[in-house]
Protein backbone atom coordinates (compact mmCIF):
# COMPACT_ATOMS: atom_id res chain seq x y z
CA MET A 1 380.22 -37.21 114.86
CA ARG A 2 380.98 -40.59 113.46
CA ALA A 3 378.95 -43.76 113.51
CA VAL A 4 379.44 -47.32 112.43
CA ILE A 5 376.01 -48.84 111.90
CA GLN A 6 375.45 -52.56 111.66
CA ARG A 7 372.17 -54.22 110.79
CA VAL A 8 371.78 -56.99 113.36
CA SER A 9 369.42 -59.82 114.18
CA ARG A 10 370.54 -59.45 117.80
CA ALA A 11 373.16 -57.59 119.81
CA SER A 12 374.12 -56.98 123.41
CA VAL A 13 376.75 -55.10 125.36
CA SER A 14 378.07 -55.93 128.79
CA VAL A 15 380.35 -54.42 131.41
CA ASP A 16 381.97 -56.72 133.97
CA ALA A 17 379.70 -59.60 132.82
CA ARG A 18 376.60 -57.42 133.47
CA ILE A 19 374.45 -56.79 130.38
CA THR A 20 373.80 -53.06 130.04
CA GLY A 21 371.83 -53.25 126.80
CA ALA A 22 370.39 -55.88 124.47
CA ILE A 23 368.21 -55.85 121.37
CA GLU A 24 366.76 -58.20 118.82
CA ARG A 25 366.34 -57.06 115.20
CA GLY A 26 367.60 -53.55 114.57
CA LEU A 27 370.77 -51.49 114.56
CA LEU A 28 373.98 -51.70 116.53
CA VAL A 29 375.45 -48.20 116.46
CA PHE A 30 379.01 -47.42 117.50
CA LEU A 31 378.98 -43.66 118.08
CA GLY A 32 381.91 -41.31 118.53
CA ALA A 33 382.06 -37.54 119.03
CA GLY A 34 384.83 -35.44 117.55
CA ALA A 35 386.42 -32.19 118.66
CA GLY A 36 384.18 -29.33 117.60
CA ASP A 37 381.02 -31.41 117.20
CA THR A 38 377.82 -29.46 117.78
CA ALA A 39 374.07 -30.00 117.91
CA ALA A 40 374.06 -29.85 114.10
CA ASP A 41 376.40 -32.86 113.93
CA LEU A 42 374.14 -34.72 116.35
CA THR A 43 371.04 -33.90 114.31
CA TYR A 44 372.68 -35.10 111.10
CA ILE A 45 373.85 -38.42 112.59
CA VAL A 46 370.55 -39.17 114.35
CA ASP A 47 368.56 -38.43 111.19
CA LYS A 48 370.78 -40.81 109.22
CA ILE A 49 370.61 -43.54 111.86
CA VAL A 50 366.83 -43.62 112.14
CA ASN A 51 366.05 -43.10 108.44
CA LEU A 52 368.77 -45.13 106.73
CA ARG A 53 366.98 -47.63 104.48
CA ILE A 54 369.00 -50.79 105.04
CA PHE A 55 366.29 -53.32 105.90
CA PRO A 56 364.63 -55.36 103.16
CA ASP A 57 361.16 -54.66 101.85
CA ASP A 58 358.80 -57.36 100.56
CA ALA A 59 360.82 -57.58 97.33
CA GLY A 60 364.06 -58.10 99.24
CA LYS A 61 365.49 -54.67 98.40
CA MET A 62 367.04 -52.48 101.11
CA ASN A 63 364.19 -50.02 101.31
CA ARG A 64 363.07 -49.85 104.96
CA SER A 65 364.44 -48.00 107.97
CA VAL A 66 364.71 -49.20 111.55
CA ILE A 67 361.56 -47.18 112.26
CA ASP A 68 359.72 -48.79 109.33
CA ILE A 69 360.39 -52.30 110.66
CA GLY A 70 359.72 -51.43 114.31
CA GLY A 71 363.30 -52.35 115.14
CA ALA A 72 365.49 -51.38 118.06
CA ALA A 73 368.83 -49.59 118.44
CA LEU A 74 371.76 -50.46 120.66
CA VAL A 75 374.07 -47.44 120.87
CA VAL A 76 377.62 -47.91 122.13
CA SER A 77 379.97 -44.96 122.73
CA GLN A 78 383.29 -45.42 120.95
CA PHE A 79 385.88 -42.65 120.97
CA THR A 80 388.23 -44.91 118.98
CA LEU A 81 386.27 -43.98 115.84
CA TYR A 82 388.48 -40.89 115.95
CA GLY A 83 391.70 -42.88 116.14
CA ASP A 84 394.30 -41.63 113.66
CA ALA A 85 396.74 -44.37 112.68
CA ARG A 86 398.27 -42.69 109.63
CA GLN A 87 401.62 -42.23 111.38
CA GLY A 88 403.35 -44.85 113.44
CA ARG A 89 401.68 -47.93 114.84
CA ARG A 90 399.80 -46.53 117.80
CA PRO A 91 396.67 -44.51 117.02
CA ALA A 92 396.33 -40.96 118.28
CA PHE A 93 392.96 -39.80 119.60
CA THR A 94 393.50 -36.05 119.54
CA SER A 95 390.50 -35.56 117.24
CA ALA A 96 388.07 -37.11 119.74
CA LEU A 97 385.90 -34.79 121.78
CA GLU A 98 386.87 -34.45 125.45
CA PRO A 99 384.96 -36.88 127.69
CA VAL A 100 382.53 -34.53 129.50
CA ALA A 101 381.19 -33.01 126.28
CA ALA A 102 381.28 -36.39 124.49
CA ARG A 103 379.15 -37.97 127.23
CA ALA A 104 376.61 -35.16 126.90
CA LEU A 105 376.34 -35.65 123.11
CA TYR A 106 376.09 -39.44 123.55
CA GLU A 107 373.24 -39.07 126.05
CA GLN A 108 371.51 -36.55 123.78
CA ALA A 109 371.83 -39.02 120.89
CA LEU A 110 370.13 -41.76 122.92
CA ARG A 111 367.18 -39.46 123.64
CA ALA A 112 367.01 -38.12 120.09
CA ILE A 113 366.95 -41.60 118.53
CA HIS A 114 364.04 -42.55 120.78
CA GLU A 115 362.22 -39.26 120.13
CA ALA A 116 362.66 -39.80 116.37
CA GLY A 117 360.56 -42.95 116.61
CA VAL A 118 362.77 -45.88 117.59
CA LYS A 119 360.72 -47.50 120.35
CA LYS A 120 363.52 -49.42 122.06
CA VAL A 121 366.89 -47.73 122.49
CA GLU A 122 369.45 -49.55 124.59
CA ALA A 123 372.94 -48.37 125.55
CA GLY A 124 376.39 -49.34 126.58
CA GLU A 125 378.12 -47.61 129.47
CA PHE A 126 380.05 -44.47 128.59
CA ALA A 127 383.84 -44.78 129.05
CA ALA A 128 383.62 -48.38 130.28
CA ASP A 129 385.48 -51.42 129.01
CA MET A 130 382.62 -53.11 127.18
CA LYS A 131 382.11 -56.46 125.50
CA VAL A 132 379.82 -56.40 122.48
CA ASP A 133 378.12 -59.52 121.15
CA LEU A 134 376.27 -59.35 117.84
CA VAL A 135 374.92 -61.23 114.87
CA ASN A 136 375.45 -58.98 111.85
CA ASP A 137 372.55 -59.49 109.45
CA GLY A 138 373.68 -59.43 105.84
CA PRO A 139 376.31 -58.45 106.74
CA VAL A 140 375.38 -54.79 106.42
CA THR A 141 377.77 -52.21 107.87
CA ILE A 142 377.58 -48.48 107.07
CA LEU A 143 380.04 -45.72 108.00
CA LEU A 144 378.74 -42.21 108.71
CA ASP A 145 380.54 -38.94 109.40
CA SER A 146 378.62 -35.73 110.08
CA ARG A 147 381.36 -33.72 108.36
CA LYS A 148 381.17 -36.05 105.37
CA HIS A 149 384.82 -37.13 105.46
CA PHE A 150 383.61 -40.50 104.16
């Protein structure tokens, strides 16, 4: 699995002008599932998301997690994280997990993030054309890959 995590002061996602999820301070997570991803990949990514120390402590150092600050998470499915643009000009998505299995992992991730201690977990709409609005705080943006490709 891959995730792009952004520390935000607020974020929302909408489909057809209808807001499907919105948060104040916390994490905006773009989450993609790759071919061959398993429960182990999900566990790795969720653990990183909820425990990543990217919020400032009293000394201003990035030393607190989203759980530590009582923040929220907005999780948006994004198969394009598996886009391969190394050849040509149009990305190929052959490394993305097929939609039925990807939806199941995405829904499991939402539950697992909440069960790990994030009180408010909001979501986009799987496979929809979404509009994301955010205020990146920092900016802080972190890339994660459960297979440690980066």
